[in-house]
Amino acid sequence: MALIIVSACLAGFHTTYRGQHHTSERIREMVRRGEAIPVCPEQLGGLATPRPPAEITGGTAEDVLKAAARVRRPDGADVTDAFLRGAREILNLALLVRPELVIFKEKSPSCGVSTIYDGSHSGKLIPGCGITTALLRSHGFQVVSDEEKVWGQFI
């Protein structure tokens, strides 16, 4: 079995901004067997759990990486630096362990794979990826959605 990196919330860790999890029993079992490494870019970036929600505003994740867009909470507070710090930490880990696959949770401004919130804090979803996903992909890592029908074919 190949080593993979997974969103910690998928392994049962209470790491979502609400302090909850999105456990996948299959992913949890892979972590238990040492086949997957759970990560939370937002926690690694220094954000607390629970924490206010945040969304990419003024562009895409790729724009955030180029300093052309920001990540903001509903109160307008800018948390871009924490999101970038966390993404860089995950990249450092990926460069060290060279996972064959990364499985991330959709909709997250860090981990979203193909869907994120639109930046208006209104609950509207748009096509796009999170900052950590964009950074990992720019370095050649394969990142797939947490939906088992998507990643199950790889493992």
Protein backbone atom coordinates (compact mmCIF):
# COMPACT_ATOMS: atom_id res chain seq x y z
CA MET A 1 0.00 0.00 0.00
CA ALA A 2 1.30 3.43 -0.95
CA LEU A 3 1.85 6.14 1.65
CA ILE A 4 -0.69 8.96 1.36
CA ILE A 5 -1.42 12.28 3.06
CA VAL A 6 -5.00 12.94 4.18
CA SER A 7 -7.00 15.76 5.71
CA ALA A 8 -6.95 15.12 9.45
CA CYS A 9 -10.71 15.68 9.72
CA LEU A 10 -11.22 12.66 7.45
CA ALA A 11 -9.28 10.52 9.92
CA GLY A 12 -11.59 11.53 12.77
CA PHE A 13 -9.63 14.42 14.22
CA HIS A 14 -11.69 17.41 15.38
CA THR A 15 -9.87 19.89 13.15
CA THR A 16 -12.61 21.62 11.14
CA TYR A 17 -13.17 25.29 11.81
CA ARG A 18 -16.17 24.26 13.93
CA GLY A 19 -14.06 21.78 15.89
CA GLN A 20 -15.76 18.83 14.21
CA HIS A 21 -14.63 15.97 11.96
CA HIS A 22 -15.73 14.29 8.71
CA THR A 23 -14.59 10.77 9.48
CA SER A 24 -14.11 8.26 6.70
CA GLU A 25 -13.69 4.86 8.36
CA ARG A 26 -11.52 3.69 5.48
CA ILE A 27 -9.15 6.65 5.88
CA ARG A 28 -9.17 6.29 9.66
CA GLU A 29 -8.11 2.65 9.26
CA MET A 30 -5.31 3.60 6.83
CA VAL A 31 -3.97 6.08 9.41
CA ARG A 32 -4.19 3.42 12.12
CA ARG A 33 -2.14 1.03 9.94
CA GLY A 34 0.49 3.72 9.24
CA GLU A 35 -0.42 4.00 5.55
CA ALA A 36 -1.68 7.59 5.74
CA ILE A 37 -0.47 10.74 7.45
CA PRO A 38 -3.23 13.07 8.74
CA VAL A 39 -2.63 16.81 8.37
CA CYS A 40 -4.50 20.05 8.96
CA PRO A 41 -2.93 23.01 7.16
CA GLU A 42 -4.95 25.53 9.12
CA GLN A 43 -3.77 24.18 12.48
CA LEU A 44 -0.19 23.91 11.20
CA GLY A 45 -0.50 27.53 10.09
CA GLY A 46 -1.25 28.53 13.69
CA LEU A 47 -5.02 28.85 13.67
CA ALA A 48 -7.01 27.64 16.68
CA THR A 49 -9.75 25.04 16.66
CA PRO A 50 -12.53 25.97 16.71
CA ARG A 51 -11.99 29.14 14.69
CA PRO A 52 -14.06 31.56 12.63
CA PRO A 53 -14.67 30.39 9.06
CA ALA A 54 -12.49 31.86 6.33
CA GLU A 55 -12.79 32.09 2.55
CA ILE A 56 -10.57 33.09 -0.35
CA THR A 57 -11.52 36.59 -1.52
CA GLY A 58 -10.54 38.55 -4.60
CA GLY A 59 -9.31 35.62 -6.68
CA THR A 60 -8.26 32.00 -6.65
CA ALA A 61 -5.96 29.91 -4.50
CA GLU A 62 -3.28 30.39 -7.14
CA ASP A 63 -3.80 34.16 -6.77
CA VAL A 64 -3.31 33.84 -2.99
CA LEU A 65 0.01 32.07 -3.67
CA LYS A 66 1.01 35.05 -5.86
CA ALA A 67 -0.14 37.57 -3.20
CA ALA A 68 -2.94 38.76 -5.53
CA ALA A 69 -5.87 37.54 -3.35
CA ARG A 70 -6.47 37.11 0.36
CA VAL A 71 -8.16 34.80 2.87
CA ARG A 72 -10.62 36.57 5.13
CA ARG A 73 -13.00 35.79 7.94
CA PRO A 74 -16.60 37.13 7.89
CA ASP A 75 -15.52 40.05 10.11
CA GLY A 76 -12.94 41.04 7.47
CA ALA A 77 -9.91 39.85 9.44
CA ASP A 78 -7.11 38.75 7.10
CA VAL A 79 -5.79 35.25 7.88
CA THR A 80 -3.85 34.77 4.64
CA ASP A 81 -0.47 34.41 6.34
CA ALA A 82 -1.68 31.50 8.49
CA PHE A 83 -3.12 29.72 5.45
CA LEU A 84 0.12 30.18 3.52
CA ARG A 85 2.22 29.04 6.48
CA GLY A 86 0.13 25.88 6.83
CA ALA A 87 0.28 25.15 3.09
CA ARG A 88 4.07 25.48 3.14
CA GLU A 89 4.31 23.10 6.11
CA ILE A 90 2.27 20.49 4.24
CA LEU A 91 4.46 20.98 1.17
CA ASN A 92 7.57 20.42 3.31
CA LEU A 93 6.06 17.18 4.60
CA ALA A 94 5.09 16.06 1.10
CA LEU A 95 8.59 16.74 -0.22
CA LEU A 96 9.97 14.66 2.65
CA VAL A 97 7.68 11.62 2.42
CA ARG A 98 6.76 11.79 -1.30
CA PRO A 99 3.18 10.50 -1.00
CA GLU A 100 1.71 8.76 -4.01
CA LEU A 101 -1.60 10.46 -3.34
CA VAL A 102 -3.12 13.25 -1.24
CA ILE A 103 -6.78 12.98 -0.20
CA PHE A 104 -8.26 16.28 0.94
CA LYS A 105 -11.66 17.49 2.13
CA GLU A 106 -13.74 19.42 -0.39
CA LYS A 107 -14.94 23.00 0.19
CA SER A 108 -12.08 24.01 2.47
CA PRO A 109 -10.09 27.16 1.61
CA SER A 110 -7.00 25.08 2.40
CA CYS A 111 -7.89 21.58 1.22
CA GLY A 112 -10.69 21.99 -1.31
CA VAL A 113 -9.94 19.96 -4.43
CA SER A 114 -12.54 21.09 -6.97
CA THR A 115 -15.06 23.10 -4.93
CA ILE A 116 -14.64 26.00 -2.49
CA TYR A 117 -16.81 28.78 -1.13
CA ASP A 118 -17.01 31.94 -3.23
CA GLY A 119 -15.56 34.41 -0.71
CA SER A 120 -18.85 36.11 0.15
CA HIS A 121 -19.47 34.04 3.31
CA SER A 122 -22.97 33.36 1.97
CA GLY A 123 -22.61 29.59 1.58
CA LYS A 124 -22.30 29.74 -2.21
CA LEU A 125 -19.94 27.16 -3.72
CA ILE A 126 -17.84 27.68 -6.85
CA PRO A 127 -15.36 25.59 -8.82
CA GLY A 128 -11.86 25.99 -7.44
CA CYS A 129 -9.31 24.53 -5.08
CA GLY A 130 -7.84 25.44 -1.73
CA ILE A 131 -4.43 26.99 -1.13
CA THR A 132 -2.67 23.83 0.07
CA THR A 133 -4.10 21.87 -2.85
CA ALA A 134 -2.88 24.51 -5.32
CA LEU A 135 0.59 24.55 -3.78
CA LEU A 136 0.93 20.76 -3.77
CA ARG A 137 -0.30 20.50 -7.36
CA SER A 138 2.20 23.15 -8.46
CA HIS A 139 4.91 20.79 -7.18
CA GLY A 140 3.52 17.77 -9.03
CA PHE A 141 1.59 16.04 -6.24
CA GLN A 142 -1.70 14.34 -7.08
CA VAL A 143 -4.51 15.67 -4.91
CA VAL A 144 -7.98 14.11 -5.03
CA SER A 145 -11.30 14.72 -3.33
CA ASP A 146 -12.42 13.05 -0.12
CA GLU A 147 -15.29 11.42 -1.98
CA GLU A 148 -14.46 7.70 -1.95
CA LYS A 149 -15.84 7.19 -5.44
CA VAL A 150 -13.06 9.53 -6.60
CA TRP A 151 -10.09 8.32 -4.55
CA GLY A 152 -11.07 4.68 -4.11
CA GLN A 153 -9.79 3.87 -7.58
CA PHE A 154 -6.27 4.96 -6.60
CA ILE A 155 -5.88 2.77 -3.52
